[in-house]
Amino acid sequence: IIMSAGVIFVCYSTIKIAFYKRKEEIETFKLLGATRGFIRAPFVIEGSVLGMFGGIASTAAAFAFYYVVFYKVTAAIPILKILLFPLETFLALFQFGVQRL
């Protein structure tokens, strides 16, 4: 849920920044008679792609952090293996969640 909220926030922010950055271009499209959907579509696509890459990057960073904690730190402190799940369990849960979408 937190990652989804982050992706939505990134998409919204990207669309808003791109809108202000291309204000003159939008005015030109309006003067030429473009529909609102035609003007809006590139911004939605750009925000979605950037949000997707942000989600992928944050997921990769989370897995890398977990790898360091689980495999490196538990070598020094073996009792932590009892408290932490193996990475394969999280990947299985992630795959199950994606299948439910």
PDB file of N, CA and C in Angstrom:
ATOM      1  N   ILE A   1       0.836  -1.186   0.000  1.00  0.00           N
ATOM      2  CA  ILE A   1       0.000   0.000   0.000  1.00  0.00           C
ATOM      3  C   ILE A   1       0.882   1.252   0.000  1.00  0.00           C
ATOM      4  N   ILE A   2       1.951   1.221   0.785  1.00  0.00           N
ATOM      5  CA  ILE A   2       2.835   2.385   0.861  1.00  0.00           C
ATOM      6  C   ILE A   2       3.513   2.624  -0.477  1.00  0.00           C
ATOM      7  N   MET A   3       3.944   1.539  -1.131  1.00  0.00           N
ATOM      8  CA  MET A   3       4.612   1.691  -2.421  1.00  0.00           C
ATOM      9  C   MET A   3       3.631   2.217  -3.471  1.00  0.00           C
ATOM     10  N   SER A   4       2.390   1.753  -3.426  1.00  0.00           N
ATOM     11  CA  SER A   4       1.387   2.245  -4.370  1.00  0.00           C
ATOM     12  C   SER A   4       1.132   3.734  -4.161  1.00  0.00           C
ATOM     13  N   ALA A   5       1.062   4.147  -2.919  1.00  0.00           N
ATOM     14  CA  ALA A   5       0.874   5.572  -2.631  1.00  0.00           C
ATOM     15  C   ALA A   5       2.063   6.380  -3.130  1.00  0.00           C
ATOM     16  N   GLY A   6       3.252   5.841  -2.968  1.00  0.00           N
ATOM     17  CA  GLY A   6       4.452   6.522  -3.471  1.00  0.00           C
ATOM     18  C   GLY A   6       4.444   6.644  -4.979  1.00  0.00           C
ATOM     19  N   VAL A   7       4.024   5.587  -5.666  1.00  0.00           N
ATOM     20  CA  VAL A   7       3.952   5.622  -7.131  1.00  0.00           C
ATOM     21  C   VAL A   7       2.922   6.645  -7.587  1.00  0.00           C
ATOM     22  N   ILE A   8       1.782   6.684  -6.932  1.00  0.00           N
ATOM     23  CA  ILE A   8       0.742   7.656  -7.293  1.00  0.00           C
ATOM     24  C   ILE A   8       1.244   9.074  -7.068  1.00  0.00           C
ATOM     25  N   PHE A   9       1.933   9.302  -5.958  1.00  0.00           N
ATOM     26  CA  PHE A   9       2.468  10.630  -5.679  1.00  0.00           C
ATOM     27  C   PHE A   9       3.496  11.042  -6.721  1.00  0.00           C
ATOM     28  N   VAL A  10       4.373  10.122  -7.117  1.00  0.00           N
ATOM     29  CA  VAL A  10       5.378  10.428  -8.139  1.00  0.00           C
ATOM     30  C   VAL A  10       4.704  10.746  -9.469  1.00  0.00           C
ATOM     31  N   CYS A  11       3.701   9.971  -9.837  1.00  0.00           N
ATOM     32  CA  CYS A  11       2.969  10.235 -11.087  1.00  0.00           C
ATOM     33  C   CYS A  11       2.321  11.611 -11.052  1.00  0.00           C
ATOM     34  N   TYR A  12       1.651  11.924  -9.957  1.00  0.00           N
ATOM     35  CA  TYR A  12       0.976  13.213  -9.838  1.00  0.00           C
ATOM     36  C   TYR A  12       1.972  14.369  -9.915  1.00  0.00           C
ATOM     37  N   SER A  13       3.073  14.246  -9.196  1.00  0.00           N
ATOM     38  CA  SER A  13       4.079  15.312  -9.194  1.00  0.00           C
ATOM     39  C   SER A  13       4.707  15.489 -10.565  1.00  0.00           C
ATOM     40  N   THR A  14       4.984  14.389 -11.235  1.00  0.00           N
ATOM     41  CA  THR A  14       5.595  14.456 -12.559  1.00  0.00           C
ATOM     42  C   THR A  14       4.665  15.116 -13.561  1.00  0.00           C
ATOM     43  N   ILE A  15       3.403  14.773 -13.505  1.00  0.00           N
ATOM     44  CA  ILE A  15       2.432  15.376 -14.418  1.00  0.00           C
ATOM     45  C   ILE A  15       2.335  16.874 -14.168  1.00  0.00           C
ATOM     46  N   LYS A  16       2.290  17.259 -12.911  1.00  0.00           N
ATOM     47  CA  LYS A  16       2.179  18.680 -12.575  1.00  0.00           C
ATOM     48  C   LYS A  16       3.413  19.466 -13.025  1.00  0.00           C
ATOM     49  N   ILE A  17       4.602  18.919 -12.798  1.00  0.00           N
ATOM     50  CA  ILE A  17       5.834  19.593 -13.224  1.00  0.00           C
ATOM     51  C   ILE A  17       5.895  19.692 -14.739  1.00  0.00           C
ATOM     52  N   ALA A  18       5.541  18.608 -15.421  1.00  0.00           N
ATOM     53  CA  ALA A  18       5.562  18.619 -16.888  1.00  0.00           C
ATOM     54  C   ALA A  18       4.541  19.616 -17.436  1.00  0.00           C
ATOM     55  N   PHE A  19       3.416  19.748 -16.760  1.00  0.00           N
ATOM     56  CA  PHE A  19       2.399  20.700 -17.204  1.00  0.00           C
ATOM     57  C   PHE A  19       2.932  22.131 -17.155  1.00  0.00           C
ATOM     58  N   TYR A  20       3.539  22.498 -16.042  1.00  0.00           N
ATOM     59  CA  TYR A  20       4.064  23.861 -15.922  1.00  0.00           C
ATOM     60  C   TYR A  20       5.238  24.102 -16.862  1.00  0.00           C
ATOM     61  N   LYS A  21       5.993  23.043 -17.120  1.00  0.00           N
ATOM     62  CA  LYS A  21       7.150  23.161 -17.999  1.00  0.00           C
ATOM     63  C   LYS A  21       6.741  23.359 -19.460  1.00  0.00           C
ATOM     64  N   ARG A  22       5.609  22.795 -19.844  1.00  0.00           N
ATOM     65  CA  ARG A  22       5.161  22.843 -21.244  1.00  0.00           C
ATOM     66  C   ARG A  22       3.890  23.664 -21.430  1.00  0.00           C
ATOM     67  N   LYS A  23       3.735  24.676 -20.654  1.00  0.00           N
ATOM     68  CA  LYS A  23       2.511  25.469 -20.700  1.00  0.00           C
ATOM     69  C   LYS A  23       2.289  26.103 -22.075  1.00  0.00           C
ATOM     70  N   GLU A  24       3.349  26.617 -22.691  1.00  0.00           N
ATOM     71  CA  GLU A  24       3.207  27.246 -24.009  1.00  0.00           C
ATOM     72  C   GLU A  24       2.817  26.218 -25.066  1.00  0.00           C
ATOM     73  N   GLU A  25       3.381  25.043 -24.988  1.00  0.00           N
ATOM     74  CA  GLU A  25       3.044  23.978 -25.938  1.00  0.00           C
ATOM     75  C   GLU A  25       1.572  23.587 -25.814  1.00  0.00           C
ATOM     76  N   ILE A  26       1.076  23.550 -24.596  1.00  0.00           N
ATOM     77  CA  ILE A  26      -0.328  23.216 -24.368  1.00  0.00           C
ATOM     78  C   ILE A  26      -1.230  24.301 -24.952  1.00  0.00           C
ATOM     79  N   GLU A  27      -0.855  25.543 -24.764  1.00  0.00           N
ATOM     80  CA  GLU A  27      -1.635  26.647 -25.333  1.00  0.00           C
ATOM     81  C   GLU A  27      -1.690  26.551 -26.855  1.00  0.00           C
ATOM     82  N   THR A  28      -0.571  26.181 -27.467  1.00  0.00           N
ATOM     83  CA  THR A  28      -0.541  26.024 -28.923  1.00  0.00           C
ATOM     84  C   THR A  28      -1.481  24.910 -29.358  1.00  0.00           C
ATOM     85  N   PHE A  29      -1.454  23.783 -28.647  1.00  0.00           N
ATOM     86  CA  PHE A  29      -2.364  22.684 -28.976  1.00  0.00           C
ATOM     87  C   PHE A  29      -3.821  23.117 -28.844  1.00  0.00           C
ATOM     88  N   LYS A  30      -4.128  23.886 -27.810  1.00  0.00           N
ATOM     89  CA  LYS A  30      -5.503  24.359 -27.625  1.00  0.00           C
ATOM     90  C   LYS A  30      -5.932  25.263 -28.768  1.00  0.00           C
ATOM     91  N   LEU A  31      -5.016  26.133 -29.201  1.00  0.00           N
ATOM     92  CA  LEU A  31      -5.337  27.025 -30.314  1.00  0.00           C
ATOM     93  C   LEU A  31      -5.547  26.254 -31.615  1.00  0.00           C
ATOM     94  N   LEU A  32      -4.877  25.118 -31.754  1.00  0.00           N
ATOM     95  CA  LEU A  32      -5.038  24.300 -32.955  1.00  0.00           C
ATOM     96  C   LEU A  32      -6.261  23.393 -32.880  1.00  0.00           C
ATOM     97  N   GLY A  33      -6.927  23.364 -31.736  1.00  0.00           N
ATOM     98  CA  GLY A  33      -8.171  22.609 -31.608  1.00  0.00           C
ATOM     99  C   GLY A  33      -8.012  21.200 -31.066  1.00  0.00           C
ATOM    100  N   ALA A  34      -6.940  20.915 -30.373  1.00  0.00           N
ATOM    101  CA  ALA A  34      -6.735  19.576 -29.810  1.00  0.00           C
ATOM    102  C   ALA A  34      -7.696  19.345 -28.647  1.00  0.00           C
ATOM    103  N   THR A  35      -8.120  18.103 -28.505  1.00  0.00           N
ATOM    104  CA  THR A  35      -9.023  17.762 -27.406  1.00  0.00           C
ATOM    105  C   THR A  35      -8.243  17.680 -26.096  1.00  0.00           C
ATOM    106  N   ARG A  36      -8.977  17.700 -24.988  1.00  0.00           N
ATOM    107  CA  ARG A  36      -8.323  17.625 -23.677  1.00  0.00           C
ATOM    108  C   ARG A  36      -7.601  16.299 -23.491  1.00  0.00           C
ATOM    109  N   GLY A  37      -8.201  15.224 -23.993  1.00  0.00           N
ATOM    110  CA  GLY A  37      -7.575  13.910 -23.876  1.00  0.00           C
ATOM    111  C   GLY A  37      -6.277  13.822 -24.659  1.00  0.00           C
ATOM    112  N   PHE A  38      -6.244  14.443 -25.836  1.00  0.00           N
ATOM    113  CA  PHE A  38      -5.035  14.440 -26.661  1.00  0.00           C
ATOM    114  C   PHE A  38      -3.912  15.207 -25.975  1.00  0.00           C
ATOM    115  N   ILE A  39      -4.255  16.261 -25.288  1.00  0.00           N
ATOM    116  CA  ILE A  39      -3.251  17.056 -24.574  1.00  0.00           C
ATOM    117  C   ILE A  39      -2.807  16.337 -23.297  1.00  0.00           C
ATOM    118  N   ARG A  40      -3.730  15.694 -22.622  1.00  0.00           N
ATOM    119  CA  ARG A  40      -3.457  15.080 -21.326  1.00  0.00           C
ATOM    120  C   ARG A  40      -2.704  13.747 -21.429  1.00  0.00           C
ATOM    121  N   ALA A  41      -2.919  12.991 -22.492  1.00  0.00           N
ATOM    122  CA  ALA A  41      -2.361  11.636 -22.610  1.00  0.00           C
ATOM    123  C   ALA A  41      -0.837  11.574 -22.460  1.00  0.00           C
ATOM    124  N   PRO A  42      -0.057  12.427 -23.126  1.00  0.00           N
ATOM    125  CA  PRO A  42       1.400  12.319 -22.955  1.00  0.00           C
ATOM    126  C   PRO A  42       1.871  12.548 -21.517  1.00  0.00           C
ATOM    127  N   PHE A  43       1.175  13.394 -20.794  1.00  0.00           N
ATOM    128  CA  PHE A  43       1.552  13.664 -19.406  1.00  0.00           C
ATOM    129  C   PHE A  43       1.253  12.463 -18.513  1.00  0.00           C
ATOM    130  N   VAL A  44       0.118  11.831 -18.740  1.00  0.00           N
ATOM    131  CA  VAL A  44      -0.241  10.652 -17.955  1.00  0.00           C
ATOM    132  C   VAL A  44       0.730   9.510 -18.240  1.00  0.00           C
ATOM    133  N   ILE A  45       1.065   9.327 -19.509  1.00  0.00           N
ATOM    134  CA  ILE A  45       2.006   8.262 -19.874  1.00  0.00           C
ATOM    135  C   ILE A  45       3.379   8.530 -19.263  1.00  0.00           C
ATOM    136  N   GLU A  46       3.855   9.753 -19.369  1.00  0.00           N
ATOM    137  CA  GLU A  46       5.168  10.103 -18.812  1.00  0.00           C
ATOM    138  C   GLU A  46       5.200   9.887 -17.300  1.00  0.00           C
ATOM    139  N   GLY A  47       4.172  10.328 -16.617  1.00  0.00           N
ATOM    140  CA  GLY A  47       4.118  10.146 -15.166  1.00  0.00           C
ATOM    141  C   GLY A  47       4.036   8.683 -14.768  1.00  0.00           C
ATOM    142  N   SER A  48       3.287   7.904 -15.526  1.00  0.00           N
ATOM    143  CA  SER A  48       3.161   6.478 -15.223  1.00  0.00           C
ATOM    144  C   SER A  48       4.479   5.744 -15.420  1.00  0.00           C
ATOM    145  N   VAL A  49       5.168   6.056 -16.509  1.00  0.00           N
ATOM    146  CA  VAL A  49       6.454   5.400 -16.772  1.00  0.00           C
ATOM    147  C   VAL A  49       7.472   5.768 -15.695  1.00  0.00           C
ATOM    148  N   LEU A  50       7.541   7.035 -15.342  1.00  0.00           N
ATOM    149  CA  LEU A  50       8.487   7.441 -14.299  1.00  0.00           C
ATOM    150  C   LEU A  50       8.117   6.838 -12.946  1.00  0.00           C
ATOM    151  N   GLY A  51       6.838   6.766 -12.660  1.00  0.00           N
ATOM    152  CA  GLY A  51       6.395   6.137 -11.416  1.00  0.00           C
ATOM    153  C   GLY A  51       6.726   4.654 -11.376  1.00  0.00           C
ATOM    154  N   MET A  52       6.572   3.984 -12.526  1.00  0.00           N
ATOM    155  CA  MET A  52       6.902   2.565 -12.600  1.00  0.00           C
ATOM    156  C   MET A  52       8.397   2.342 -12.359  1.00  0.00           C
ATOM    157  N   PHE A  53       9.232   3.158 -13.008  1.00  0.00           N
ATOM    158  CA  PHE A  53      10.673   3.023 -12.798  1.00  0.00           C
ATOM    159  C   PHE A  53      11.056   3.355 -11.355  1.00  0.00           C
ATOM    160  N   GLY A  54      10.385   4.322 -10.762  1.00  0.00           N
ATOM    161  CA  GLY A  54      10.634   4.634  -9.354  1.00  0.00           C
ATOM    162  C   GLY A  54      10.255   3.475  -8.447  1.00  0.00           C
ATOM    163  N   GLY A  55       9.141   2.823  -8.746  1.00  0.00           N
ATOM    164  CA  GLY A  55       8.726   1.656  -7.968  1.00  0.00           C
ATOM    165  C   GLY A  55       9.695   0.499  -8.107  1.00  0.00           C
ATOM    166  N   ILE A  56      10.174   0.281  -9.333  1.00  0.00           N
ATOM    167  CA  ILE A  56      11.151  -0.790  -9.562  1.00  0.00           C
ATOM    168  C   ILE A  56      12.449  -0.491  -8.819  1.00  0.00           C
ATOM    169  N   ALA A  57      12.897   0.757  -8.888  1.00  0.00           N
ATOM    170  CA  ALA A  57      14.142   1.133  -8.209  1.00  0.00           C
ATOM    171  C   ALA A  57      14.012   0.986  -6.694  1.00  0.00           C
ATOM    172  N   SER A  58      12.870   1.400  -6.139  1.00  0.00           N
ATOM    173  CA  SER A  58      12.699   1.289  -4.688  1.00  0.00           C
ATOM    174  C   SER A  58      12.578  -0.168  -4.251  1.00  0.00           C
ATOM    175  N   THR A  59      11.942  -1.000  -5.072  1.00  0.00           N
ATOM    176  CA  THR A  59      11.853  -2.422  -4.752  1.00  0.00           C
ATOM    177  C   THR A  59      13.230  -3.071  -4.778  1.00  0.00           C
ATOM    178  N   ALA A  60      14.024  -2.729  -5.788  1.00  0.00           N
ATOM    179  CA  ALA A  60      15.386  -3.267  -5.870  1.00  0.00           C
ATOM    180  C   ALA A  60      16.222  -2.824  -4.672  1.00  0.00           C
ATOM    181  N   ALA A  61      16.072  -1.572  -4.272  1.00  0.00           N
ATOM    182  CA  ALA A  61      16.816  -1.077  -3.112  1.00  0.00           C
ATOM    183  C   ALA A  61      16.370  -1.787  -1.834  1.00  0.00           C
ATOM    184  N   ALA A  62      15.070  -2.035  -1.702  1.00  0.00           N
ATOM    185  CA  ALA A  62      14.571  -2.732  -0.515  1.00  0.00           C
ATOM    186  C   ALA A  62      15.100  -4.162  -0.457  1.00  0.00           C
ATOM    187  N   PHE A  63      15.105  -4.852  -1.602  1.00  0.00           N
ATOM    188  CA  PHE A  63      15.635  -6.218  -1.626  1.00  0.00           C
ATOM    189  C   PHE A  63      17.133  -6.233  -1.337  1.00  0.00           C
ATOM    190  N   ALA A  64      17.869  -5.261  -1.859  1.00  0.00           N
ATOM    191  CA  ALA A  64      19.306  -5.190  -1.591  1.00  0.00           C
ATOM    192  C   ALA A  64      19.558  -4.955  -0.101  1.00  0.00           C
ATOM    193  N   PHE A  65      18.783  -4.061   0.492  1.00  0.00           N
ATOM    194  CA  PHE A  65      18.917  -3.797   1.927  1.00  0.00           C
ATOM    195  C   PHE A  65      18.595  -5.052   2.736  1.00  0.00           C
ATOM    196  N   TYR A  66      17.530  -5.730   2.345  1.00  0.00           N
ATOM    197  CA  TYR A  66      17.146  -6.950   3.054  1.00  0.00           C
ATOM    198  C   TYR A  66      18.229  -8.017   2.919  1.00  0.00           C
ATOM    199  N   TYR A  67      18.818  -8.127   1.730  1.00  0.00           N
ATOM    200  CA  TYR A  67      19.894  -9.098   1.525  1.00  0.00           C
ATOM    201  C   TYR A  67      21.050  -8.821   2.480  1.00  0.00           C
ATOM    202  N   VAL A  68      21.423  -7.567   2.589  1.00  0.00           N
ATOM    203  CA  VAL A  68      22.526  -7.211   3.484  1.00  0.00           C
ATOM    204  C   VAL A  68      22.170  -7.552   4.925  1.00  0.00           C
ATOM    205  N   VAL A  69      20.972  -7.197   5.336  1.00  0.00           N
ATOM    206  CA  VAL A  69      20.573  -7.458   6.719  1.00  0.00           C
ATOM    207  C   VAL A  69      20.479  -8.954   6.980  1.00  0.00           C
ATOM    208  N   PHE A  70      19.813  -9.678   6.081  1.00  0.00           N
ATOM    209  CA  PHE A  70      19.559 -11.096   6.351  1.00  0.00           C
ATOM    210  C   PHE A  70      20.817 -11.945   6.252  1.00  0.00           C
ATOM    211  N   TYR A  71      21.576 -11.778   5.193  1.00  0.00           N
ATOM    212  CA  TYR A  71      22.712 -12.675   4.972  1.00  0.00           C
ATOM    213  C   TYR A  71      24.010 -12.203   5.622  1.00  0.00           C
ATOM    214  N   LYS A  72      24.241 -10.930   5.669  1.00  0.00           N
ATOM    215  CA  LYS A  72      25.507 -10.441   6.224  1.00  0.00           C
ATOM    216  C   LYS A  72      25.441 -10.263   7.744  1.00  0.00           C
ATOM    217  N   VAL A  73      24.374  -9.641   8.206  1.00  0.00           N
ATOM    218  CA  VAL A  73      24.258  -9.374   9.641  1.00  0.00           C
ATOM    219  C   VAL A  73      23.967 -10.657  10.414  1.00  0.00           C
ATOM    220  N   THR A  74      23.143 -11.544   9.841  1.00  0.00           N
ATOM    221  CA  THR A  74      22.849 -12.783  10.568  1.00  0.00           C
ATOM    222  C   THR A  74      24.056 -13.706  10.651  1.00  0.00           C
ATOM    223  N   ALA A  75      25.051 -13.505   9.793  1.00  0.00           N
ATOM    224  CA  ALA A  75      26.289 -14.274   9.934  1.00  0.00           C
ATOM    225  C   ALA A  75      27.004 -13.882  11.227  1.00  0.00           C
ATOM    226  N   ALA A  76      26.899 -12.614  11.587  1.00  0.00           N
ATOM    227  CA  ALA A  76      27.527 -12.136  12.820  1.00  0.00           C
ATOM    228  C   ALA A  76      26.646 -12.389  14.041  1.00  0.00           C
ATOM    229  N   ILE A  77      25.322 -12.290  13.844  1.00  0.00           N
ATOM    230  CA  ILE A  77      24.377 -12.466  14.954  1.00  0.00           C
ATOM    231  C   ILE A  77      23.370 -13.550  14.546  1.00  0.00           C
ATOM    232  N   PRO A  78      23.638 -14.811  14.797  1.00  0.00           N
ATOM    233  CA  PRO A  78      22.789 -15.907  14.308  1.00  0.00           C
ATOM    234  C   PRO A  78      21.356 -15.895  14.847  1.00  0.00           C
ATOM    235  N   ILE A  79      21.108 -15.281  15.985  1.00  0.00           N
ATOM    236  CA  ILE A  79      19.759 -15.273  16.559  1.00  0.00           C
ATOM    237  C   ILE A  79      18.770 -14.521  15.676  1.00  0.00           C
ATOM    238  N   LEU A  80      19.250 -13.620  14.835  1.00  0.00           N
ATOM    239  CA  LEU A  80      18.362 -12.853  13.960  1.00  0.00           C
ATOM    240  C   LEU A  80      17.710 -13.712  12.886  1.00  0.00           C
ATOM    241  N   LYS A  81      18.285 -14.874  12.560  1.00  0.00           N
ATOM    242  CA  LYS A  81      17.675 -15.754  11.557  1.00  0.00           C
ATOM    243  C   LYS A  81      16.293 -16.218  11.995  1.00  0.00           C
ATOM    244  N   ILE A  82      16.088 -16.325  13.281  1.00  0.00           N
ATOM    245  CA  ILE A  82      14.784 -16.736  13.795  1.00  0.00           C
ATOM    246  C   ILE A  82      13.758 -15.628  13.570  1.00  0.00           C
ATOM    247  N   LEU A  83      14.170 -14.384  13.650  1.00  0.00           N
ATOM    248  CA  LEU A  83      13.253 -13.253  13.554  1.00  0.00           C
ATOM    249  C   LEU A  83      12.948 -12.829  12.125  1.00  0.00           C
ATOM    250  N   LEU A  84      13.817 -13.159  11.173  1.00  0.00           N
ATOM    251  CA  LEU A  84      13.659 -12.695   9.796  1.00  0.00           C
ATOM    252  C   LEU A  84      13.266 -13.845   8.873  1.00  0.00           C
ATOM    253  N   PHE A  85      12.430 -13.533   7.861  1.00  0.00           N
ATOM    254  CA  PHE A  85      12.078 -14.517   6.840  1.00  0.00           C
ATOM    255  C   PHE A  85      13.149 -14.546   5.762  1.00  0.00           C
ATOM    256  N   PRO A  86      13.330 -15.679   5.107  1.00  0.00           N
ATOM    257  CA  PRO A  86      14.252 -15.691   3.966  1.00  0.00           C
ATOM    258  C   PRO A  86      13.689 -14.872   2.805  1.00  0.00           C
ATOM    259  N   LEU A  87      14.550 -14.416   1.934  1.00  0.00           N
ATOM    260  CA  LEU A  87      14.153 -13.581   0.803  1.00  0.00           C
ATOM    261  C   LEU A  87      13.172 -14.305  -0.109  1.00  0.00           C
ATOM    262  N   GLU A  88      13.303 -15.611  -0.242  1.00  0.00           N
ATOM    263  CA  GLU A  88      12.416 -16.379  -1.113  1.00  0.00           C
ATOM    264  C   GLU A  88      10.962 -16.285  -0.648  1.00  0.00           C
ATOM    265  N   THR A  89      10.743 -16.205   0.639  1.00  0.00           N
ATOM    266  CA  THR A  89       9.386 -16.065   1.168  1.00  0.00           C
ATOM    267  C   THR A  89       8.785 -14.739   0.738  1.00  0.00           C
ATOM    268  N   PHE A  90       9.555 -13.662   0.817  1.00  0.00           N
ATOM    269  CA  PHE A  90       9.056 -12.364   0.388  1.00  0.00           C
ATOM    270  C   PHE A  90       8.790 -12.339  -1.110  1.00  0.00           C
ATOM    271  N   LEU A  91       9.649 -12.980  -1.895  1.00  0.00           N
ATOM    272  CA  LEU A  91       9.427 -13.024  -3.343  1.00  0.00           C
ATOM    273  C   LEU A  91       8.159 -13.803  -3.674  1.00  0.00           C
ATOM    274  N   ALA A  92       7.906 -14.890  -2.956  1.00  0.00           N
ATOM    275  CA  ALA A  92       6.685 -15.663  -3.173  1.00  0.00           C
ATOM    276  C   ALA A  92       5.455 -14.832  -2.807  1.00  0.00           C
ATOM    277  N   LEU A  93       5.513 -14.105  -1.711  1.00  0.00           N
ATOM    278  CA  LEU A  93       4.398 -13.241  -1.323  1.00  0.00           C
ATOM    279  C   LEU A  93       4.182 -12.131  -2.338  1.00  0.00           C
ATOM    280  N   PHE A  94       5.267 -11.563  -2.859  1.00  0.00           N
ATOM    281  CA  PHE A  94       5.173 -10.519  -3.880  1.00  0.00           C
ATOM    282  C   PHE A  94       4.520 -11.072  -5.142  1.00  0.00           C
ATOM    283  N   GLN A  95       4.926 -12.256  -5.571  1.00  0.00           N
ATOM    284  CA  GLN A  95       4.349 -12.864  -6.762  1.00  0.00           C
ATOM    285  C   GLN A  95       2.868 -13.152  -6.545  1.00  0.00           C
ATOM    286  N   PHE A  96       2.498 -13.625  -5.370  1.00  0.00           N
ATOM    287  CA  PHE A  96       1.097 -13.879  -5.055  1.00  0.00           C
ATOM    288  C   PHE A  96       0.287 -12.590  -5.125  1.00  0.00           C
ATOM    289  N   GLY A  97       0.856 -11.504  -4.611  1.00  0.00           N
ATOM    290  CA  GLY A  97       0.164 -10.216  -4.653  1.00  0.00           C
ATOM    291  C   GLY A  97      -0.001  -9.697  -6.064  1.00  0.00           C
ATOM    292  N   VAL A  98       1.004  -9.886  -6.913  1.00  0.00           N
ATOM    293  CA  VAL A  98       0.921  -9.433  -8.301  1.00  0.00           C
ATOM    294  C   VAL A  98      -0.122 -10.241  -9.052  1.00  0.00           C
ATOM    295  N   GLN A  99      -0.230 -11.531  -8.771  1.00  0.00           N
ATOM    296  CA  GLN A  99      -1.217 -12.366  -9.445  1.00  0.00           C
ATOM    297  C   GLN A  99      -2.630 -11.946  -9.084  1.00  0.00           C
ATOM    298  N   ARG A 100      -2.827 -11.387  -7.913  1.00  0.00           N
ATOM    299  CA  ARG A 100      -4.154 -10.957  -7.479  1.00  0.00           C
ATOM    300  C   ARG A 100      -4.607  -9.671  -8.170  1.00  0.00           C
ATOM    301  N   LEU A 101      -3.669  -8.937  -8.771  1.00  0.00           N
ATOM    302  CA  LEU A 101      -4.044  -7.714  -9.480  1.00  0.00           C
ATOM    303  C   LEU A 101      -4.744  -8.112 -10.713  1.00  0.00           C
TER     304      LEU A 101
END
